[in-house]
Amino acid sequence: YVDKAHLRDVVEARFLIEPHIAELAAERHTPEQVQKLRQGVEEARAGDPLAWYQHELVFHVGLARVAGNT
């Protein structure tokens, strides 16, 4: 169970962390990693809109890995 206050905390933390992860990924990426992220975005666009959240999770985890964040 996730209440609204907890969800707000998670969203606020993401807003603080994700720009830094994106910056690191931009500095550390390989062409292959970028291609894999692009492919995931294209699959999300072509897929079921109700399953979009799954693609979002895969994208953000992939971005963190590109940044070197385990």
PDB file of N, CA and C in Angstrom:
ATOM      1  N   TYR A   1       0.840  -1.183   0.000  1.00  0.00           N
ATOM      2  CA  TYR A   1       0.000   0.000   0.000  1.00  0.00           C
ATOM      3  C   TYR A   1       0.886   1.247   0.000  1.00  0.00           C
ATOM      4  N   VAL A   2       0.595   2.167  -0.902  1.00  0.00           N
ATOM      5  CA  VAL A   2       1.342   3.423  -0.985  1.00  0.00           C
ATOM      6  C   VAL A   2       0.359   4.556  -0.791  1.00  0.00           C
ATOM      7  N   ASP A   3       0.587   5.352   0.255  1.00  0.00           N
ATOM      8  CA  ASP A   3      -0.298   6.497   0.449  1.00  0.00           C
ATOM      9  C   ASP A   3       0.219   7.703  -0.328  1.00  0.00           C
ATOM     10  N   LYS A   4      -0.586   8.737  -0.412  1.00  0.00           N
ATOM     11  CA  LYS A   4      -0.228   9.908  -1.222  1.00  0.00           C
ATOM     12  C   LYS A   4       1.033  10.596  -0.719  1.00  0.00           C
ATOM     13  N   ALA A   5       1.239  10.659   0.579  1.00  0.00           N
ATOM     14  CA  ALA A   5       2.434  11.317   1.126  1.00  0.00           C
ATOM     15  C   ALA A   5       3.685  10.550   0.730  1.00  0.00           C
ATOM     16  N   HIS A   6       3.637   9.232   0.788  1.00  0.00           N
ATOM     17  CA  HIS A   6       4.789   8.416   0.409  1.00  0.00           C
ATOM     18  C   HIS A   6       5.068   8.561  -1.075  1.00  0.00           C
ATOM     19  N   LEU A   7       4.039   8.544  -1.885  1.00  0.00           N
ATOM     20  CA  LEU A   7       4.207   8.705  -3.326  1.00  0.00           C
ATOM     21  C   LEU A   7       4.827  10.064  -3.642  1.00  0.00           C
ATOM     22  N   ARG A   8       4.392  11.103  -2.953  1.00  0.00           N
ATOM     23  CA  ARG A   8       4.975  12.427  -3.145  1.00  0.00           C
ATOM     24  C   ARG A   8       6.460  12.427  -2.813  1.00  0.00           C
ATOM     25  N   ASP A   9       6.848  11.751  -1.747  1.00  0.00           N
ATOM     26  CA  ASP A   9       8.260  11.656  -1.371  1.00  0.00           C
ATOM     27  C   ASP A   9       9.079  10.979  -2.461  1.00  0.00           C
ATOM     28  N   VAL A  10       8.538   9.918  -3.025  1.00  0.00           N
ATOM     29  CA  VAL A  10       9.238   9.194  -4.090  1.00  0.00           C
ATOM     30  C   VAL A  10       9.405  10.090  -5.316  1.00  0.00           C
ATOM     31  N   VAL A  11       8.357  10.785  -5.694  1.00  0.00           N
ATOM     32  CA  VAL A  11       8.416  11.677  -6.860  1.00  0.00           C
ATOM     33  C   VAL A  11       9.431  12.789  -6.616  1.00  0.00           C
ATOM     34  N   GLU A  12       9.431  13.372  -5.437  1.00  0.00           N
ATOM     35  CA  GLU A  12      10.394  14.433  -5.128  1.00  0.00           C
ATOM     36  C   GLU A  12      11.829  13.908  -5.196  1.00  0.00           C
ATOM     37  N   ALA A  13      12.063  12.717  -4.693  1.00  0.00           N
ATOM     38  CA  ALA A  13      13.408  12.141  -4.748  1.00  0.00           C
ATOM     39  C   ALA A  13      13.826  11.900  -6.196  1.00  0.00           C
ATOM     40  N   ARG A  14      12.913  11.421  -7.006  1.00  0.00           N
ATOM     41  CA  ARG A  14      13.234  11.191  -8.425  1.00  0.00           C
ATOM     42  C   ARG A  14      13.603  12.505  -9.106  1.00  0.00           C
ATOM     43  N   PHE A  15      12.882  13.576  -8.805  1.00  0.00           N
ATOM     44  CA  PHE A  15      13.187  14.874  -9.424  1.00  0.00           C
ATOM     45  C   PHE A  15      14.585  15.359  -9.043  1.00  0.00           C
ATOM     46  N   LEU A  16      15.070  14.986  -7.889  1.00  0.00           N
ATOM     47  CA  LEU A  16      16.408  15.381  -7.466  1.00  0.00           C
ATOM     48  C   LEU A  16      17.489  14.492  -8.078  1.00  0.00           C
ATOM     49  N   ILE A  17      17.221  13.214  -8.173  1.00  0.00           N
ATOM     50  CA  ILE A  17      18.230  12.244  -8.590  1.00  0.00           C
ATOM     51  C   ILE A  17      18.335  12.114 -10.107  1.00  0.00           C
ATOM     52  N   GLU A  18      17.213  12.060 -10.791  1.00  0.00           N
ATOM     53  CA  GLU A  18      17.229  11.724 -12.213  1.00  0.00           C
ATOM     54  C   GLU A  18      18.000  12.696 -13.104  1.00  0.00           C
ATOM     55  N   PRO A  19      17.971  14.003 -12.872  1.00  0.00           N
ATOM     56  CA  PRO A  19      18.793  14.867 -13.733  1.00  0.00           C
ATOM     57  C   PRO A  19      20.287  14.560 -13.621  1.00  0.00           C
ATOM     58  N   HIS A  20      20.736  14.226 -12.427  1.00  0.00           N
ATOM     59  CA  HIS A  20      22.147  13.893 -12.243  1.00  0.00           C
ATOM     60  C   HIS A  20      22.485  12.576 -12.946  1.00  0.00           C
ATOM     61  N   ILE A  21      21.598  11.591 -12.843  1.00  0.00           N
ATOM     62  CA  ILE A  21      21.816  10.322 -13.539  1.00  0.00           C
ATOM     63  C   ILE A  21      21.876  10.555 -15.044  1.00  0.00           C
ATOM     64  N   ALA A  22      20.984  11.385 -15.576  1.00  0.00           N
ATOM     65  CA  ALA A  22      20.992  11.682 -17.012  1.00  0.00           C
ATOM     66  C   ALA A  22      22.296  12.370 -17.415  1.00  0.00           C
ATOM     67  N   GLU A  23      22.779  13.277 -16.586  1.00  0.00           N
ATOM     68  CA  GLU A  23      24.041  13.965 -16.873  1.00  0.00           C
ATOM     69  C   GLU A  23      25.210  12.977 -16.921  1.00  0.00           C
ATOM     70  N   LEU A  24      25.266  12.085 -15.949  1.00  0.00           N
ATOM     71  CA  LEU A  24      26.327  11.082 -15.933  1.00  0.00           C
ATOM     72  C   LEU A  24      26.225  10.154 -17.132  1.00  0.00           C
ATOM     73  N   ALA A  25      25.017   9.751 -17.475  1.00  0.00           N
ATOM     74  CA  ALA A  25      24.821   8.878 -18.632  1.00  0.00           C
ATOM     75  C   ALA A  25      25.273   9.573 -19.907  1.00  0.00           C
ATOM     76  N   ALA A  26      25.011  10.865 -20.021  1.00  0.00           N
ATOM     77  CA  ALA A  26      25.436  11.617 -21.203  1.00  0.00           C
ATOM     78  C   ALA A  26      26.962  11.657 -21.316  1.00  0.00           C
ATOM     79  N   GLU A  27      27.637  11.657 -20.188  1.00  0.00           N
ATOM     80  CA  GLU A  27      29.100  11.687 -20.190  1.00  0.00           C
ATOM     81  C   GLU A  27      29.716  10.315 -20.418  1.00  0.00           C
ATOM     82  N   ARG A  28      29.044   9.256 -19.982  1.00  0.00           N
ATOM     83  CA  ARG A  28      29.661   7.938 -19.925  1.00  0.00           C
ATOM     84  C   ARG A  28      29.134   6.932 -20.944  1.00  0.00           C
ATOM     85  N   HIS A  29      28.200   7.289 -21.729  1.00  0.00           N
ATOM     86  CA  HIS A  29      27.521   6.345 -22.616  1.00  0.00           C
ATOM     87  C   HIS A  29      28.425   5.802 -23.725  1.00  0.00           C
ATOM     88  N   THR A  30      28.004   4.661 -24.230  1.00  0.00           N
ATOM     89  CA  THR A  30      28.587   4.132 -25.456  1.00  0.00           C
ATOM     90  C   THR A  30      27.505   4.216 -26.532  1.00  0.00           C
ATOM     91  N   PRO A  31      27.891   4.199 -27.792  1.00  0.00           N
ATOM     92  CA  PRO A  31      26.870   4.215 -28.857  1.00  0.00           C
ATOM     93  C   PRO A  31      25.882   3.046 -28.736  1.00  0.00           C
ATOM     94  N   GLU A  32      26.356   1.902 -28.324  1.00  0.00           N
ATOM     95  CA  GLU A  32      25.484   0.735 -28.178  1.00  0.00           C
ATOM     96  C   GLU A  32      24.446   0.960 -27.082  1.00  0.00           C
ATOM     97  N   GLN A  33      24.866   1.577 -25.992  1.00  0.00           N
ATOM     98  CA  GLN A  33      23.926   1.849 -24.901  1.00  0.00           C
ATOM     99  C   GLN A  33      22.852   2.842 -25.331  1.00  0.00           C
ATOM    100  N   VAL A  34      23.261   3.857 -26.069  1.00  0.00           N
ATOM    101  CA  VAL A  34      22.295   4.844 -26.554  1.00  0.00           C
ATOM    102  C   VAL A  34      21.297   4.172 -27.491  1.00  0.00           C
ATOM    103  N   GLN A  35      21.788   3.310 -28.361  1.00  0.00           N
ATOM    104  CA  GLN A  35      20.905   2.600 -29.286  1.00  0.00           C
ATOM    105  C   GLN A  35      19.892   1.743 -28.536  1.00  0.00           C
ATOM    106  N   LYS A  36      20.335   1.080 -27.484  1.00  0.00           N
ATOM    107  CA  LYS A  36      19.430   0.240 -26.693  1.00  0.00           C
ATOM    108  C   LYS A  36      18.351   1.088 -26.016  1.00  0.00           C
ATOM    109  N   LEU A  37      18.729   2.249 -25.486  1.00  0.00           N
ATOM    110  CA  LEU A  37      17.739   3.143 -24.882  1.00  0.00           C
ATOM    111  C   LEU A  37      16.759   3.646 -25.934  1.00  0.00           C
ATOM    112  N   ARG A  38      17.267   4.022 -27.101  1.00  0.00           N
ATOM    113  CA  ARG A  38      16.395   4.482 -28.185  1.00  0.00           C
ATOM    114  C   ARG A  38      15.416   3.394 -28.611  1.00  0.00           C
ATOM    115  N   GLN A  39      15.914   2.189 -28.708  1.00  0.00           N
ATOM    116  CA  GLN A  39      15.060   1.075 -29.093  1.00  0.00           C
ATOM    117  C   GLN A  39      13.927   0.896 -28.079  1.00  0.00           C
ATOM    118  N   GLY A  40      14.246   1.007 -26.821  1.00  0.00           N
ATOM    119  CA  GLY A  40      13.228   0.894 -25.783  1.00  0.00           C
ATOM    120  C   GLY A  40      12.179   1.980 -25.881  1.00  0.00           C
ATOM    121  N   VAL A  41      12.608   3.201 -26.206  1.00  0.00           N
ATOM    122  CA  VAL A  41      11.659   4.306 -26.368  1.00  0.00           C
ATOM    123  C   VAL A  41      10.740   4.036 -27.556  1.00  0.00           C
ATOM    124  N   GLU A  42      11.307   3.564 -28.654  1.00  0.00           N
ATOM    125  CA  GLU A  42      10.496   3.252 -29.836  1.00  0.00           C
ATOM    126  C   GLU A  42       9.499   2.137 -29.539  1.00  0.00           C
ATOM    127  N   GLU A  43       9.918   1.129 -28.804  1.00  0.00           N
ATOM    128  CA  GLU A  43       9.006   0.050 -28.428  1.00  0.00           C
ATOM    129  C   GLU A  43       7.877   0.574 -27.551  1.00  0.00           C
ATOM    130  N   ALA A  44       8.197   1.497 -26.654  1.00  0.00           N
ATOM    131  CA  ALA A  44       7.172   2.074 -25.791  1.00  0.00           C
ATOM    132  C   ALA A  44       6.160   2.863 -26.618  1.00  0.00           C
ATOM    133  N   ARG A  45       6.642   3.610 -27.591  1.00  0.00           N
ATOM    134  CA  ARG A  45       5.745   4.394 -28.442  1.00  0.00           C
ATOM    135  C   ARG A  45       4.829   3.510 -29.278  1.00  0.00           C
ATOM    136  N   ALA A  46       5.338   2.367 -29.705  1.00  0.00           N
ATOM    137  CA  ALA A  46       4.570   1.484 -30.575  1.00  0.00           C
ATOM    138  C   ALA A  46       3.699   0.498 -29.790  1.00  0.00           C
ATOM    139  N   GLY A  47       3.929   0.407 -28.498  1.00  0.00           N
ATOM    140  CA  GLY A  47       3.261  -0.611 -27.691  1.00  0.00           C
ATOM    141  C   GLY A  47       1.951  -0.164 -27.086  1.00  0.00           C
ATOM    142  N   ASP A  48       1.464  -0.995 -26.228  1.00  0.00           N
ATOM    143  CA  ASP A  48       0.213  -0.775 -25.511  1.00  0.00           C
ATOM    144  C   ASP A  48       0.384   0.382 -24.524  1.00  0.00           C
ATOM    145  N   PRO A  49      -0.424   1.427 -24.646  1.00  0.00           N
ATOM    146  CA  PRO A  49      -0.290   2.563 -23.725  1.00  0.00           C
ATOM    147  C   PRO A  49      -0.465   2.178 -22.252  1.00  0.00           C
ATOM    148  N   LEU A  50      -1.229   1.139 -21.995  1.00  0.00           N
ATOM    149  CA  LEU A  50      -1.428   0.714 -20.612  1.00  0.00           C
ATOM    150  C   LEU A  50      -0.185   0.053 -20.019  1.00  0.00           C
ATOM    151  N   ALA A  51       0.709  -0.414 -20.868  1.00  0.00           N
ATOM    152  CA  ALA A  51       1.941  -1.040 -20.394  1.00  0.00           C
ATOM    153  C   ALA A  51       3.107  -0.054 -20.404  1.00  0.00           C
ATOM    154  N   TRP A  52       2.821   1.208 -20.630  1.00  0.00           N
ATOM    155  CA  TRP A  52       3.864   2.223 -20.733  1.00  0.00           C
ATOM    156  C   TRP A  52       4.735   2.288 -19.483  1.00  0.00           C
ATOM    157  N   TYR A  53       4.137   2.130 -18.328  1.00  0.00           N
ATOM    158  CA  TYR A  53       4.911   2.219 -17.083  1.00  0.00           C
ATOM    159  C   TYR A  53       6.032   1.189 -17.039  1.00  0.00           C
ATOM    160  N   GLN A  54       5.829   0.022 -17.654  1.00  0.00           N
ATOM    161  CA  GLN A  54       6.884  -0.989 -17.682  1.00  0.00           C
ATOM    162  C   GLN A  54       8.064  -0.495 -18.511  1.00  0.00           C
ATOM    163  N   HIS A  55       7.772   0.131 -19.632  1.00  0.00           N
ATOM    164  CA  HIS A  55       8.839   0.680 -20.469  1.00  0.00           C
ATOM    165  C   HIS A  55       9.564   1.817 -19.749  1.00  0.00           C
ATOM    166  N   GLU A  56       8.813   2.615 -19.016  1.00  0.00           N
ATOM    167  CA  GLU A  56       9.434   3.714 -18.272  1.00  0.00           C
ATOM    168  C   GLU A  56      10.421   3.169 -17.246  1.00  0.00           C
ATOM    169  N   LEU A  57      10.034   2.137 -16.547  1.00  0.00           N
ATOM    170  CA  LEU A  57      10.920   1.540 -15.548  1.00  0.00           C
ATOM    171  C   LEU A  57      12.184   0.991 -16.206  1.00  0.00           C
ATOM    172  N   VAL A  58      12.023   0.264 -17.298  1.00  0.00           N
ATOM    173  CA  VAL A  58      13.177  -0.291 -18.009  1.00  0.00           C
ATOM    174  C   VAL A  58      14.090   0.832 -18.484  1.00  0.00           C
ATOM    175  N   PHE A  59      13.513   1.926 -18.994  1.00  0.00           N
ATOM    176  CA  PHE A  59      14.310   3.053 -19.468  1.00  0.00           C
ATOM    177  C   PHE A  59      15.122   3.667 -18.337  1.00  0.00           C
ATOM    178  N   HIS A  60      14.487   3.933 -17.213  1.00  0.00           N
ATOM    179  CA  HIS A  60      15.184   4.602 -16.117  1.00  0.00           C
ATOM    180  C   HIS A  60      16.242   3.706 -15.479  1.00  0.00           C
ATOM    181  N   VAL A  61      15.983   2.431 -15.388  1.00  0.00           N
ATOM    182  CA  VAL A  61      17.005   1.506 -14.884  1.00  0.00           C
ATOM    183  C   VAL A  61      18.164   1.452 -15.876  1.00  0.00           C
ATOM    184  N   GLY A  62      17.849   1.399 -17.168  1.00  0.00           N
ATOM    185  CA  GLY A  62      18.901   1.397 -18.191  1.00  0.00           C
ATOM    186  C   GLY A  62      19.729   2.659 -18.152  1.00  0.00           C
ATOM    187  N   LEU A  63      19.086   3.792 -17.970  1.00  0.00           N
ATOM    188  CA  LEU A  63      19.796   5.065 -17.886  1.00  0.00           C
ATOM    189  C   LEU A  63      20.744   5.070 -16.687  1.00  0.00           C
ATOM    190  N   ALA A  64      20.281   4.557 -15.567  1.00  0.00           N
ATOM    191  CA  ALA A  64      21.140   4.489 -14.376  1.00  0.00           C
ATOM    192  C   ALA A  64      22.346   3.582 -14.630  1.00  0.00           C
ATOM    193  N   ARG A  65      22.123   2.483 -15.326  1.00  0.00           N
ATOM    194  CA  ARG A  65      23.249   1.585 -15.626  1.00  0.00           C
ATOM    195  C   ARG A  65      24.255   2.256 -16.551  1.00  0.00           C
ATOM    196  N   VAL A  66      23.767   2.992 -17.546  1.00  0.00           N
ATOM    197  CA  VAL A  66      24.671   3.726 -18.436  1.00  0.00           C
ATOM    198  C   VAL A  66      25.500   4.725 -17.629  1.00  0.00           C
ATOM    199  N   ALA A  67      24.890   5.323 -16.624  1.00  0.00           N
ATOM    200  CA  ALA A  67      25.586   6.287 -15.774  1.00  0.00           C
ATOM    201  C   ALA A  67      26.606   5.616 -14.855  1.00  0.00           C
ATOM    202  N   GLY A  68      26.538   4.278 -14.758  1.00  0.00           N
ATOM    203  CA  GLY A  68      27.453   3.567 -13.866  1.00  0.00           C
ATOM    204  C   GLY A  68      26.877   3.341 -12.490  1.00  0.00           C
ATOM    205  N   ASN A  69      25.571   3.579 -12.342  1.00  0.00           N
ATOM    206  CA  ASN A  69      24.894   3.416 -11.068  1.00  0.00           C
ATOM    207  C   ASN A  69      24.357   1.993 -10.984  1.00  0.00           C
ATOM    208  N   THR A  70      24.828   1.228 -10.034  1.00  0.00           N
ATOM    209  CA  THR A  70      24.374  -0.165  -9.911  1.00  0.00           C
ATOM    210  C   THR A  70      23.038  -0.240  -9.221  1.00  0.00           C
TER     211      THR A  70
END
